[in-house]
Amino acid sequence: MSRILAIDYGLKRTGIAVTDPLQIIVSPLTTIPTKELFDYLKEYFSSEDVELVVFGDPKHTDGNPTHVSEKVHKFTQFLNKELPQMPIEFEDESFSSVEAMRTILMSGAKKKKRREKGILDKVSAAIILERYLQRIGKY
């Protein structure tokens, strides 16, 4: 089997999470500047077997797209054009940041660790990936 990669796309930073090759365990992977995302993905795909990319789909509580939604969809269109063999799915990311902060707090992370800007983004990506796996029945 191959990995599934999830992306919590942000205007400045993007969080990335990934499954193990058996798609049993979800782990936060990294946070990178959004402007470096495509180059990072190209390199990651060349070194790891990834079968699918899941993007968090940002929406307001009423279901309407947020101001980030358009940028996410533009990036996925670009990615689809540049890497047409890579399937892309979307998963609702509502409240993933709130859930990520709760998870970080429950993990016992020290205050200094919780202040790291990237930790929230990659944990949010992991939550998005867990939701996706639950929705398709793998979790």
C-alpha atoms as a PDB file:
ATOM      1  CA  MET A   1       0.000   0.000   0.000  1.00  0.00           C
ATOM      2  CA  SER A   2       0.927   3.652  -0.210  1.00  0.00           C
ATOM      3  CA  ARG A   3       0.649   6.643   2.028  1.00  0.00           C
ATOM      4  CA  ILE A   4      -2.149   9.179   2.098  1.00  0.00           C
ATOM      5  CA  LEU A   5      -1.028  12.756   2.639  1.00  0.00           C
ATOM      6  CA  ALA A   6      -3.185  15.539   4.092  1.00  0.00           C
ATOM      7  CA  ILE A   7      -2.718  19.264   3.746  1.00  0.00           C
ATOM      8  CA  ASP A   8      -4.015  22.056   5.959  1.00  0.00           C
ATOM      9  CA  TYR A   9      -3.445  24.896   3.500  1.00  0.00           C
ATOM     10  CA  GLY A  10      -2.832  28.326   4.979  1.00  0.00           C
ATOM     11  CA  LEU A  11      -2.057  31.695   3.508  1.00  0.00           C
ATOM     12  CA  LYS A  12       1.386  31.787   5.166  1.00  0.00           C
ATOM     13  CA  ARG A  13       2.046  28.264   6.468  1.00  0.00           C
ATOM     14  CA  THR A  14       0.791  24.854   5.464  1.00  0.00           C
ATOM     15  CA  GLY A  15       0.575  21.852   7.735  1.00  0.00           C
ATOM     16  CA  ILE A  16       1.169  18.381   6.355  1.00  0.00           C
ATOM     17  CA  ALA A  17       0.309  14.998   7.845  1.00  0.00           C
ATOM     18  CA  VAL A  18       0.707  11.502   6.453  1.00  0.00           C
ATOM     19  CA  THR A  19      -0.275   7.907   7.065  1.00  0.00           C
ATOM     20  CA  ASP A  20       2.169   5.055   7.340  1.00  0.00           C
ATOM     21  CA  PRO A  21       2.369   2.843   4.209  1.00  0.00           C
ATOM     22  CA  LEU A  22      -0.303   0.485   5.628  1.00  0.00           C
ATOM     23  CA  GLN A  23      -2.607   3.478   6.249  1.00  0.00           C
ATOM     24  CA  ILE A  24      -3.065   2.559   9.900  1.00  0.00           C
ATOM     25  CA  ILE A  25      -1.285   5.408  11.692  1.00  0.00           C
ATOM     26  CA  VAL A  26      -1.671   9.134  11.027  1.00  0.00           C
ATOM     27  CA  SER A  27       1.266  11.363  11.966  1.00  0.00           C
ATOM     28  CA  PRO A  28       1.844  15.100  11.726  1.00  0.00           C
ATOM     29  CA  LEU A  29       4.714  15.467   9.259  1.00  0.00           C
ATOM     30  CA  THR A  30       5.805  19.078   8.943  1.00  0.00           C
ATOM     31  CA  THR A  31       4.802  22.682   8.486  1.00  0.00           C
ATOM     32  CA  ILE A  32       6.261  24.650   5.612  1.00  0.00           C
ATOM     33  CA  PRO A  33       5.822  28.119   4.139  1.00  0.00           C
ATOM     34  CA  THR A  34       2.929  27.903   1.677  1.00  0.00           C
ATOM     35  CA  LYS A  35       5.019  29.424  -1.094  1.00  0.00           C
ATOM     36  CA  GLU A  36       7.284  26.336  -0.889  1.00  0.00           C
ATOM     37  CA  LEU A  37       4.441  23.795  -0.906  1.00  0.00           C
ATOM     38  CA  PHE A  38       4.587  22.662  -4.525  1.00  0.00           C
ATOM     39  CA  ASP A  39       8.360  22.106  -4.470  1.00  0.00           C
ATOM     40  CA  TYR A  40       8.060  20.229  -1.181  1.00  0.00           C
ATOM     41  CA  LEU A  41       5.321  17.970  -2.555  1.00  0.00           C
ATOM     42  CA  LYS A  42       7.240  17.201  -5.753  1.00  0.00           C
ATOM     43  CA  GLU A  43      10.260  16.155  -3.707  1.00  0.00           C
ATOM     44  CA  TYR A  44       8.187  14.172  -1.211  1.00  0.00           C
ATOM     45  CA  PHE A  45       6.329  12.318  -3.987  1.00  0.00           C
ATOM     46  CA  SER A  46       9.653  11.385  -5.601  1.00  0.00           C
ATOM     47  CA  SER A  47      10.880   9.749  -2.392  1.00  0.00           C
ATOM     48  CA  GLU A  48       7.646   8.275  -0.952  1.00  0.00           C
ATOM     49  CA  ASP A  49       4.826   6.287  -2.486  1.00  0.00           C
ATOM     50  CA  VAL A  50       1.713   8.461  -2.048  1.00  0.00           C
ATOM     51  CA  GLU A  51      -1.610   7.345  -3.500  1.00  0.00           C
ATOM     52  CA  LEU A  52      -3.769  10.336  -2.561  1.00  0.00           C
ATOM     53  CA  VAL A  53      -3.634  13.898  -1.276  1.00  0.00           C
ATOM     54  CA  VAL A  54      -6.444  15.125   0.970  1.00  0.00           C
ATOM     55  CA  PHE A  55      -6.878  18.881   1.284  1.00  0.00           C
ATOM     56  CA  GLY A  56      -8.731  20.492   4.131  1.00  0.00           C
ATOM     57  CA  ASP A  57     -11.733  22.321   2.704  1.00  0.00           C
ATOM     58  CA  PRO A  58     -12.237  25.524   4.701  1.00  0.00           C
ATOM     59  CA  LYS A  59     -15.869  26.490   5.226  1.00  0.00           C
ATOM     60  CA  HIS A  60     -17.836  28.730   7.531  1.00  0.00           C
ATOM     61  CA  THR A  61     -20.238  27.112  10.005  1.00  0.00           C
ATOM     62  CA  ASP A  62     -23.082  27.787   7.559  1.00  0.00           C
ATOM     63  CA  GLY A  63     -21.271  25.726   4.894  1.00  0.00           C
ATOM     64  CA  ASN A  64     -20.200  28.643   2.721  1.00  0.00           C
ATOM     65  CA  PRO A  65     -16.561  28.834   1.572  1.00  0.00           C
ATOM     66  CA  THR A  66     -14.109  30.974   3.558  1.00  0.00           C
ATOM     67  CA  HIS A  67     -11.673  33.495   2.100  1.00  0.00           C
ATOM     68  CA  VAL A  68      -9.040  30.708   1.963  1.00  0.00           C
ATOM     69  CA  SER A  69     -11.248  28.300  -0.020  1.00  0.00           C
ATOM     70  CA  GLU A  70     -10.548  29.955  -3.356  1.00  0.00           C
ATOM     71  CA  LYS A  71      -6.778  29.776  -2.789  1.00  0.00           C
ATOM     72  CA  VAL A  72      -7.012  26.100  -1.799  1.00  0.00           C
ATOM     73  CA  HIS A  73      -8.964  25.260  -4.931  1.00  0.00           C
ATOM     74  CA  LYS A  74      -6.618  27.275  -7.165  1.00  0.00           C
ATOM     75  CA  PHE A  75      -3.650  25.423  -5.710  1.00  0.00           C
ATOM     76  CA  THR A  76      -5.327  22.036  -6.202  1.00  0.00           C
ATOM     77  CA  GLN A  77      -6.094  22.934  -9.827  1.00  0.00           C
ATOM     78  CA  PHE A  78      -2.428  23.841 -10.314  1.00  0.00           C
ATOM     79  CA  LEU A  79      -1.326  20.614  -8.613  1.00  0.00           C
ATOM     80  CA  ASN A  80      -3.709  18.601 -10.776  1.00  0.00           C
ATOM     81  CA  LYS A  81      -2.285  20.232 -13.906  1.00  0.00           C
ATOM     82  CA  GLU A  82       1.348  19.702 -12.887  1.00  0.00           C
ATOM     83  CA  LEU A  83       0.905  16.216 -11.381  1.00  0.00           C
ATOM     84  CA  PRO A  84      -2.211  14.795 -13.079  1.00  0.00           C
ATOM     85  CA  GLN A  85      -1.483  11.271 -11.837  1.00  0.00           C
ATOM     86  CA  MET A  86      -1.961  12.319  -8.194  1.00  0.00           C
ATOM     87  CA  PRO A  87      -5.592  12.017  -7.029  1.00  0.00           C
ATOM     88  CA  ILE A  88      -6.928  14.815  -4.825  1.00  0.00           C
ATOM     89  CA  GLU A  89      -9.818  14.675  -2.352  1.00  0.00           C
ATOM     90  CA  PHE A  90     -11.277  17.254   0.017  1.00  0.00           C
ATOM     91  CA  GLU A  91     -12.290  16.914   3.647  1.00  0.00           C
ATOM     92  CA  ASP A  92     -14.202  19.437   5.729  1.00  0.00           C
ATOM     93  CA  GLU A  93     -11.717  21.114   8.039  1.00  0.00           C
ATOM     94  CA  SER A  94     -14.253  22.888  10.260  1.00  0.00           C
ATOM     95  CA  PHE A  95     -12.941  23.313  13.790  1.00  0.00           C
ATOM     96  CA  SER A  96      -9.792  21.287  13.030  1.00  0.00           C
ATOM     97  CA  SER A  97      -7.636  24.030  14.562  1.00  0.00           C
ATOM     98  CA  VAL A  98      -9.730  24.052  17.740  1.00  0.00           C
ATOM     99  CA  GLU A  99      -9.502  20.272  17.945  1.00  0.00           C
ATOM    100  CA  ALA A 100      -5.760  20.436  17.237  1.00  0.00           C
ATOM    101  CA  MET A 101      -5.205  22.908  20.075  1.00  0.00           C
ATOM    102  CA  ARG A 102      -7.186  20.663  22.424  1.00  0.00           C
ATOM    103  CA  THR A 103      -5.069  17.682  21.328  1.00  0.00           C
ATOM    104  CA  ILE A 104      -1.841  19.608  21.876  1.00  0.00           C
ATOM    105  CA  LEU A 105      -2.980  20.690  25.346  1.00  0.00           C
ATOM    106  CA  MET A 106      -4.026  17.152  26.270  1.00  0.00           C
ATOM    107  CA  SER A 107      -0.664  15.819  25.109  1.00  0.00           C
ATOM    108  CA  GLY A 108       0.970  17.709  27.948  1.00  0.00           C
ATOM    109  CA  ALA A 109       3.105  19.846  25.640  1.00  0.00           C
ATOM    110  CA  LYS A 110       4.933  22.587  27.498  1.00  0.00           C
ATOM    111  CA  LYS A 111       3.888  26.199  26.932  1.00  0.00           C
ATOM    112  CA  LYS A 112       6.983  26.894  24.825  1.00  0.00           C
ATOM    113  CA  LYS A 113       6.158  23.954  22.529  1.00  0.00           C
ATOM    114  CA  ARG A 114       2.524  25.062  22.212  1.00  0.00           C
ATOM    115  CA  ARG A 115       3.679  28.486  21.024  1.00  0.00           C
ATOM    116  CA  GLU A 116       5.534  27.051  18.042  1.00  0.00           C
ATOM    117  CA  LYS A 117       3.619  28.408  15.086  1.00  0.00           C
ATOM    118  CA  GLY A 118       3.858  25.276  12.971  1.00  0.00           C
ATOM    119  CA  ILE A 119       2.718  22.702  15.498  1.00  0.00           C
ATOM    120  CA  LEU A 120      -0.945  23.685  15.252  1.00  0.00           C
ATOM    121  CA  ASP A 121      -0.888  23.478  11.431  1.00  0.00           C
ATOM    122  CA  LYS A 122       0.565  19.978  11.214  1.00  0.00           C
ATOM    123  CA  VAL A 123      -1.686  18.641  13.988  1.00  0.00           C
ATOM    124  CA  SER A 124      -4.671  20.172  12.160  1.00  0.00           C
ATOM    125  CA  ALA A 125      -3.554  18.334   9.012  1.00  0.00           C
ATOM    126  CA  ALA A 126      -3.448  15.094  11.022  1.00  0.00           C
ATOM    127  CA  ILE A 127      -7.003  15.713  12.243  1.00  0.00           C
ATOM    128  CA  ILE A 128      -8.172  16.357   8.679  1.00  0.00           C
ATOM    129  CA  LEU A 129      -6.579  13.071   7.609  1.00  0.00           C
ATOM    130  CA  GLU A 130      -8.144  11.162  10.507  1.00  0.00           C
ATOM    131  CA  ARG A 131     -11.563  12.569   9.586  1.00  0.00           C
ATOM    132  CA  TYR A 132     -11.080  11.521   5.984  1.00  0.00           C
ATOM    133  CA  LEU A 133     -10.090   7.983   6.980  1.00  0.00           C
ATOM    134  CA  GLN A 134     -13.093   7.755   9.315  1.00  0.00           C
ATOM    135  CA  ARG A 135     -15.439   8.973   6.584  1.00  0.00           C
ATOM    136  CA  ILE A 136     -14.247   6.365   4.089  1.00  0.00           C
ATOM    137  CA  GLY A 137     -14.354   3.610   6.712  1.00  0.00           C
ATOM    138  CA  LYS A 138     -10.643   2.969   7.224  1.00  0.00           C
ATOM    139  CA  TYR A 139     -10.689   4.102  10.871  1.00  0.00           C
END
